[in-house]
């Protein structure tokens, strides 16, 4: 095809990426100043939102109009703002799917680390690894509860895949690096026969206890405090869950963790893994590849992995029949069975 028939190369994609930091910061500003909560009560004009939020008219005008441009807010001809359907579902603090805490986590915790990316690329090491207990326990304590709504649908899908609603015998579950407790909670809610042992750093387990109590399954929970490498997992579990853990551990520690988990399970027991998976050749999907960079700036050895890689580690640890299960979220769950 001649030059006249070819599409002109434009900088459009690069220009969009250059402003890619803006949407999460604007969402967080809206969350911080209760814009989404206020508009959930009904359409309102700018002055009303300013009065109810205590924020400036000038600041709200700029941010709210930009959020209209991104489709999270709507604006009618009378100048009244209202919520788009996804903002109403996920950015209103009273809704079960609320992700406003994730917006705060992005602004307060992630972006400051990413600002050092050029230096981290030079050294290959983060300024402070969040998978080390002293720094990491405080880091995770402050945001694990905010991740609950994002992981709960996948945890419910895991309960269905394991058919726990129909079990007629006791089921022992090991929830590793339990965080908010979301994975074990969903399994415990699916059957009164399920009992969960949650493992995490001591101050993170205080968050776990609080969420577990609020979700009504506290009487079927026990706790083991400590780092994953040192904590006593116990023995005889039917199910072990590693919910978004391997990416922060790196291959060496992940292999050791999978072997330790294998030894804690009964013969025929099941391990369930949630991860941001990437393709074998690491060309996609974008979220998994981006999360690998997040692990670069936040951990000592962390990365994201393909199903083939994790399946190989599982096989080496003594598991068989590694398989995927569809679940809400960016990647399927991985299940395998103790040989």
Protein backbone atom coordinates (compact mmCIF):
# COMPACT_ATOMS: atom_id res chain seq x y z
CA UNK A 1 0.00 0.00 0.00
CA UNK A 2 1.36 3.44 -0.87
CA UNK A 3 2.17 6.13 1.64
CA UNK A 4 -1.08 7.96 0.87
CA UNK A 5 -3.09 4.89 1.99
CA UNK A 6 -1.36 4.40 5.30
CA UNK A 7 -2.72 5.77 8.56
CA UNK A 8 -0.59 8.54 10.00
CA UNK A 9 1.32 7.70 13.18
CA UNK A 10 0.11 9.92 16.02
CA UNK A 11 1.27 10.44 19.61
CA UNK A 12 -2.26 9.88 20.94
CA UNK A 13 -1.50 6.73 22.94
CA UNK A 14 1.63 8.23 24.44
CA UNK A 15 -0.17 11.42 25.38
CA UNK A 16 -2.93 9.43 27.08
CA UNK A 17 -0.33 7.47 29.02
CA UNK A 18 1.45 10.67 30.00
CA UNK A 19 -1.67 11.72 31.90
CA UNK A 20 -2.38 8.22 33.20
CA UNK A 21 -1.64 9.24 36.79
CA UNK A 22 -4.55 11.70 36.79
CA UNK A 23 -7.70 9.49 36.97
CA UNK A 24 -6.78 7.58 40.17
CA UNK A 25 -5.80 10.82 41.91
CA UNK A 26 -9.07 12.47 40.89
CA UNK A 27 -11.07 9.45 42.04
CA UNK A 28 -9.28 9.55 45.38
CA UNK A 29 -10.00 13.26 45.74
CA UNK A 30 -13.67 12.55 45.09
CA UNK A 31 -13.65 9.76 47.67
CA UNK A 32 -11.78 11.89 50.21
CA UNK A 33 -14.31 14.71 49.91
CA UNK A 34 -17.37 12.42 49.89
CA UNK A 35 -18.45 13.44 46.39
CA UNK A 36 -19.73 9.96 45.51
CA UNK A 37 -21.51 9.50 48.85
CA UNK A 38 -23.20 12.88 48.51
CA UNK A 39 -24.35 12.25 44.93
CA UNK A 40 -25.64 8.81 45.90
CA UNK A 41 -28.41 10.69 47.73
CA UNK A 42 -29.52 12.17 44.39
CA UNK A 43 -28.44 14.69 41.71
CA UNK A 44 -26.98 17.91 43.08
CA UNK A 45 -25.43 21.09 41.72
CA UNK A 46 -21.87 22.16 42.40
CA UNK A 47 -22.69 24.61 45.19
CA UNK A 48 -24.68 21.98 47.08
CA UNK A 49 -21.86 19.44 46.85
CA UNK A 50 -19.41 22.09 48.06
CA UNK A 51 -21.63 22.98 51.02
CA UNK A 52 -22.16 19.35 52.04
CA UNK A 53 -18.54 18.30 51.56
CA UNK A 54 -16.80 21.40 52.89
CA UNK A 55 -14.51 21.45 49.84
CA UNK A 56 -13.95 24.48 47.63
CA UNK A 57 -16.21 25.29 44.69
CA UNK A 58 -13.15 25.84 42.48
CA UNK A 59 -11.57 22.50 43.41
CA UNK A 60 -14.78 20.51 43.04
CA UNK A 61 -15.65 22.15 39.71
CA UNK A 62 -12.37 21.04 38.15
CA UNK A 63 -12.37 17.51 39.54
CA UNK A 64 -16.07 16.77 39.09
CA UNK A 65 -16.06 18.01 35.49
CA UNK A 66 -13.03 15.84 34.76
CA UNK A 67 -14.82 12.85 36.29
CA UNK A 68 -17.73 13.63 33.96
CA UNK A 69 -15.26 13.49 31.09
CA UNK A 70 -14.13 10.04 32.21
CA UNK A 71 -17.74 8.86 32.55
CA UNK A 72 -17.81 8.33 36.33
CA UNK A 73 -20.11 11.29 36.89
CA UNK A 74 -22.97 12.55 34.73
CA UNK A 75 -23.99 16.20 34.29
CA UNK A 76 -27.29 17.49 32.95
CA UNK A 77 -28.15 20.77 31.24
CA UNK A 78 -29.17 22.32 34.56
CA UNK A 79 -25.66 21.74 35.92
CA UNK A 80 -26.64 18.94 38.29
CA UNK A 81 -24.21 16.07 38.78
CA UNK A 82 -25.13 12.42 39.35
CA UNK A 83 -23.38 9.06 39.53
CA UNK A 84 -22.69 6.71 36.65
CA UNK A 85 -23.67 3.12 37.41
CA UNK A 86 -20.14 1.86 38.13
CA UNK A 87 -19.39 4.82 40.41
CA UNK A 88 -22.64 4.13 42.27
CA UNK A 89 -21.72 0.47 42.72
CA UNK A 90 -18.04 0.80 43.66
CA UNK A 91 -17.28 4.32 44.94
CA UNK A 92 -20.07 4.85 47.49
CA UNK A 93 -18.82 3.94 50.95
CA UNK A 94 -22.04 2.25 52.05
CA UNK A 95 -22.11 -0.18 49.12
CA UNK A 96 -20.78 -3.76 49.54
CA UNK A 97 -18.53 -3.43 46.49
CA UNK A 98 -16.87 -0.21 47.72
CA UNK A 99 -13.37 0.31 46.28
CA UNK A 100 -12.68 3.77 47.65
CA UNK A 101 -10.14 2.30 50.04
CA UNK A 102 -8.22 0.98 47.05
CA UNK A 103 -8.14 4.52 45.63
CA UNK A 104 -6.64 5.77 48.90
CA UNK A 105 -4.12 2.91 48.86
CA UNK A 106 -3.08 3.85 45.34
CA UNK A 107 -2.56 7.50 46.25
CA UNK A 108 -1.00 7.10 49.68
CA UNK A 109 1.03 3.89 49.27
CA UNK A 110 1.61 2.92 45.64
CA UNK A 111 2.25 6.16 43.77
CA UNK A 112 4.99 7.36 46.16
CA UNK A 113 6.85 4.08 45.57
CA UNK A 114 6.38 4.27 41.81
CA UNK A 115 7.93 7.74 41.76
CA UNK A 116 11.26 6.03 42.49
CA UNK A 117 10.87 3.63 39.54
CA UNK A 118 13.79 4.97 37.50
CA UNK A 119 16.13 4.40 40.44
CA UNK A 120 14.63 1.00 41.22
CA UNK A 121 15.19 -0.08 37.62
CA UNK A 122 18.85 0.91 38.00
CA UNK A 123 19.38 -1.10 41.20
CA UNK A 124 16.75 -3.84 40.85
CA UNK A 125 15.83 -3.31 44.50
CA UNK A 126 12.97 -1.41 46.20
CA UNK A 127 13.58 1.35 48.69
CA UNK A 128 11.84 -0.81 51.33
CA UNK A 129 10.38 -4.25 50.63
CA UNK A 130 6.82 -4.68 51.89
CA UNK A 131 7.26 -8.43 52.27
CA UNK A 132 9.69 -7.91 55.15
CA UNK A 133 7.96 -8.12 58.51
CA UNK A 134 8.93 -4.80 60.09
CA UNK A 135 7.89 -2.66 57.13
CA UNK A 136 5.40 -5.05 55.60
CA UNK A 137 3.20 -5.74 58.60
CA UNK A 138 2.45 -2.04 59.02
CA UNK A 139 1.94 -1.63 55.26
CA UNK A 140 -0.56 -4.49 54.98
CA UNK A 141 -2.32 -3.69 58.25
CA UNK A 142 -3.39 -0.34 56.83
CA UNK A 143 -5.01 -1.51 53.63
CA UNK A 144 -5.90 -5.25 53.63
CA UNK A 145 -9.46 -4.52 54.69
CA UNK A 146 -9.85 -2.22 51.69
CA UNK A 147 -9.13 -5.18 49.40
CA UNK A 148 -12.01 -7.28 50.78
CA UNK A 149 -14.66 -6.18 48.23
CA UNK A 150 -12.29 -6.82 45.32
CA UNK A 151 -11.53 -10.41 46.36
CA UNK A 152 -14.83 -11.51 47.90
CA UNK A 153 -16.57 -12.52 44.62
CA UNK A 154 -13.57 -14.70 43.66
CA UNK A 155 -13.55 -16.23 47.14
CA UNK A 156 -17.24 -17.09 46.78
CA UNK A 157 -16.48 -18.66 43.39
CA UNK A 158 -13.82 -20.79 45.08
CA UNK A 159 -16.35 -22.01 47.64
CA UNK A 160 -18.67 -23.03 44.82
CA UNK A 161 -15.88 -24.75 42.90
CA UNK A 162 -15.04 -26.78 46.02
CA UNK A 163 -18.75 -27.60 46.50
CA UNK A 164 -18.51 -26.76 50.20
CA UNK A 165 -22.24 -26.13 50.48
CA UNK A 166 -22.81 -29.87 50.13
CA UNK A 167 -20.11 -31.30 52.41
CA UNK A 168 -21.29 -33.52 55.27
CA UNK A 169 -17.99 -33.77 57.14
CA UNK A 170 -15.67 -31.31 58.91
CA UNK A 171 -13.43 -29.31 56.57
CA UNK A 172 -10.20 -27.74 57.84
CA UNK A 173 -9.03 -24.68 55.90
CA UNK A 174 -5.61 -23.03 56.10
CA UNK A 175 -5.73 -19.36 55.02
CA UNK A 176 -2.14 -18.18 54.47
CA UNK A 177 -1.25 -14.49 54.77
CA UNK A 178 -4.94 -14.11 55.51
CA UNK A 179 -5.07 -10.31 55.56
CA UNK A 180 -8.72 -9.28 55.80
CA UNK A 181 -9.69 -12.96 55.99
CA UNK A 182 -11.71 -12.69 52.79
CA UNK A 183 -10.84 -16.15 51.41
CA UNK A 184 -11.45 -18.08 54.60
CA UNK A 185 -14.55 -16.06 55.42
CA UNK A 186 -16.21 -16.91 52.10
CA UNK A 187 -15.42 -20.61 52.61
CA UNK A 188 -16.72 -20.56 56.19
CA UNK A 189 -19.90 -18.78 55.12
CA UNK A 190 -20.54 -21.48 52.53
CA UNK A 191 -20.81 -24.30 55.10
CA UNK A 192 -21.08 -24.63 58.89
CA UNK A 193 -18.70 -27.61 58.62
CA UNK A 194 -15.78 -25.37 57.66
CA UNK A 195 -13.21 -24.30 60.28
CA UNK A 196 -10.39 -21.90 59.34
CA UNK A 197 -6.88 -21.31 60.64
CA UNK A 198 -5.61 -17.86 59.60
CA UNK A 199 -1.87 -17.20 59.38
CA UNK A 200 -0.39 -13.69 59.19
CA UNK A 201 1.75 -11.20 61.04
CA UNK A 202 0.36 -10.42 64.55
CA UNK A 203 -0.88 -6.88 63.90
CA UNK A 204 -2.47 -7.91 60.58
CA UNK A 205 -4.32 -10.68 62.40
CA UNK A 206 -5.96 -8.01 64.54
CA UNK A 207 -7.60 -6.77 61.34
CA UNK A 208 -8.51 -10.35 60.41
CA UNK A 209 -10.20 -10.90 63.79
CA UNK A 210 -12.22 -7.71 63.42
CA UNK A 211 -13.48 -8.56 59.92
CA UNK A 212 -14.16 -12.21 60.80
CA UNK A 213 -16.27 -11.12 63.77
CA UNK A 214 -18.21 -8.66 61.62
CA UNK A 215 -18.89 -11.40 59.06
CA UNK A 216 -20.33 -13.74 61.69
CA UNK A 217 -17.91 -16.71 61.58
CA UNK A 218 -15.59 -15.93 64.51
CA UNK A 219 -16.46 -19.11 66.41
CA UNK A 220 -14.97 -21.25 63.64
CA UNK A 221 -11.65 -19.40 63.42
CA UNK A 222 -8.25 -19.96 64.99
CA UNK A 223 -5.07 -18.01 64.42
CA UNK A 224 -1.35 -18.63 63.97
CA UNK A 225 0.80 -15.50 64.15
CA UNK A 226 4.11 -15.19 62.35
CA UNK A 227 5.98 -14.88 59.09
CA UNK A 228 5.04 -17.50 56.51
CA UNK A 229 8.53 -18.96 56.55
CA UNK A 230 8.57 -19.38 60.33
CA UNK A 231 4.94 -19.86 61.43
CA UNK A 232 3.72 -23.33 62.44
CA UNK A 233 0.95 -24.15 59.98
CA UNK A 234 -0.05 -27.38 61.69
CA UNK A 235 -1.19 -30.49 59.80
CA UNK A 236 -4.21 -32.27 58.42
CA UNK A 237 -5.90 -29.55 56.39
CA UNK A 238 -8.36 -30.29 53.61
CA UNK A 239 -7.88 -26.93 51.84
CA UNK A 240 -5.13 -24.31 51.82
CA UNK A 241 -5.58 -20.89 50.24
CA UNK A 242 -2.83 -18.56 49.04
CA UNK A 243 -4.76 -15.45 48.03
CA UNK A 244 -2.43 -13.15 46.07
CA UNK A 245 0.70 -14.17 47.99
CA UNK A 246 3.19 -15.65 45.51
CA UNK A 247 3.72 -12.41 43.59
CA UNK A 248 5.26 -10.72 46.64
CA UNK A 249 7.39 -13.73 47.62
CA UNK A 250 9.33 -14.35 44.41
CA UNK A 251 10.16 -17.77 42.96
CA UNK A 252 12.58 -18.97 45.62
CA UNK A 253 10.32 -18.24 48.58
CA UNK A 254 7.19 -19.30 46.67
CA UNK A 255 8.65 -22.74 46.01
CA UNK A 256 9.48 -23.16 49.70
CA UNK A 257 6.00 -21.95 50.69
CA UNK A 258 4.28 -24.39 48.33
CA UNK A 259 6.28 -27.30 49.76
CA UNK A 260 5.46 -26.24 53.32
CA UNK A 261 1.79 -25.90 52.36
CA UNK A 262 1.83 -29.34 50.74
CA UNK A 263 3.11 -30.86 53.98
CA UNK A 264 0.29 -29.20 55.95
CA UNK A 265 -2.44 -30.74 53.75
CA UNK A 266 -3.98 -34.19 53.96
CA UNK A 267 -3.47 -36.68 51.12
CA UNK A 268 -6.00 -35.59 48.51
CA UNK A 269 -6.14 -32.08 49.94
CA UNK A 270 -6.53 -29.06 47.70
CA UNK A 271 -4.45 -25.93 47.36
CA UNK A 272 -6.10 -22.84 45.87
CA UNK A 273 -4.03 -19.96 44.53
CA UNK A 274 -5.13 -16.51 43.38
CA UNK A 275 -2.65 -14.52 41.31
CA UNK A 276 -2.29 -11.91 38.57
CA UNK A 277 -1.31 -14.32 35.81
CA UNK A 278 0.68 -13.42 32.70
CA UNK A 279 1.08 -15.22 29.38
CA UNK A 280 3.92 -17.69 28.92
CA UNK A 281 5.84 -15.23 26.73
CA UNK A 282 5.06 -12.25 29.00
CA UNK A 283 3.36 -10.16 26.33
CA UNK A 284 0.08 -9.75 28.23
CA UNK A 285 -2.29 -9.11 29.79
CA UNK A 286 -1.37 -5.50 30.63
CA UNK A 287 -2.55 -5.69 34.26
CA UNK A 288 -0.40 -8.70 35.06
CA UNK A 289 2.64 -7.11 33.44
CA UNK A 290 2.03 -3.81 35.22
CA UNK A 291 1.69 -5.61 38.53
CA UNK A 292 5.11 -7.14 37.92
CA UNK A 293 6.50 -3.60 37.91
CA UNK A 294 4.56 -2.93 41.11
CA UNK A 295 6.38 -5.89 42.64
CA UNK A 296 9.67 -4.44 41.39
CA UNK A 297 9.12 -1.19 43.30
CA UNK A 298 7.61 -2.83 46.40
CA UNK A 299 9.36 -6.17 47.04
CA UNK A 300 12.82 -7.71 47.07
CA UNK A 301 12.15 -10.60 44.70
CA UNK A 302 8.47 -10.38 43.72
CA UNK A 303 7.09 -10.78 40.21
CA UNK A 304 4.06 -12.06 38.35
CA UNK A 305 3.97 -15.54 36.83
CA UNK A 306 2.25 -17.66 34.22
CA UNK A 307 0.03 -20.62 34.95
CA UNK A 308 2.70 -22.87 33.44
CA UNK A 309 5.34 -21.59 35.86
CA UNK A 310 3.15 -21.97 38.94
CA UNK A 311 1.95 -25.40 37.79
CA UNK A 312 5.59 -26.48 37.55
CA UNK A 313 6.31 -25.29 41.08
CA UNK A 314 3.22 -27.16 42.31
CA UNK A 315 4.36 -30.34 40.61
CA UNK A 316 7.82 -30.03 42.16
CA UNK A 317 6.24 -29.52 45.60
CA UNK A 318 4.26 -32.78 45.31
CA UNK A 319 0.94 -31.61 43.90
CA UNK A 320 -0.83 -33.00 40.86
CA UNK A 321 -3.65 -32.02 38.52
CA UNK A 322 -2.92 -28.29 38.45
CA UNK A 323 -5.92 -26.64 36.84
CA UNK A 324 -7.68 -23.30 36.55
CA UNK A 325 -11.14 -22.29 37.76
CA UNK A 326 -12.92 -19.24 36.35
CA UNK A 327 -13.57 -16.55 38.94
CA UNK A 328 -14.44 -12.84 38.94
CA UNK A 329 -11.27 -10.83 38.65
CA UNK A 330 -8.30 -10.39 36.35
CA UNK A 331 -7.21 -14.05 36.35
CA UNK A 332 -8.65 -17.51 37.04
CA UNK A 333 -7.90 -19.34 40.27
CA UNK A 334 -5.37 -22.18 40.26
CA UNK A 335 -6.20 -25.42 42.06
CA UNK A 336 -4.04 -28.51 42.58
CA UNK A 337 -4.29 -31.70 44.65
CA UNK A 338 -1.87 -33.39 47.03
CA UNK A 339 -0.66 -36.53 45.28
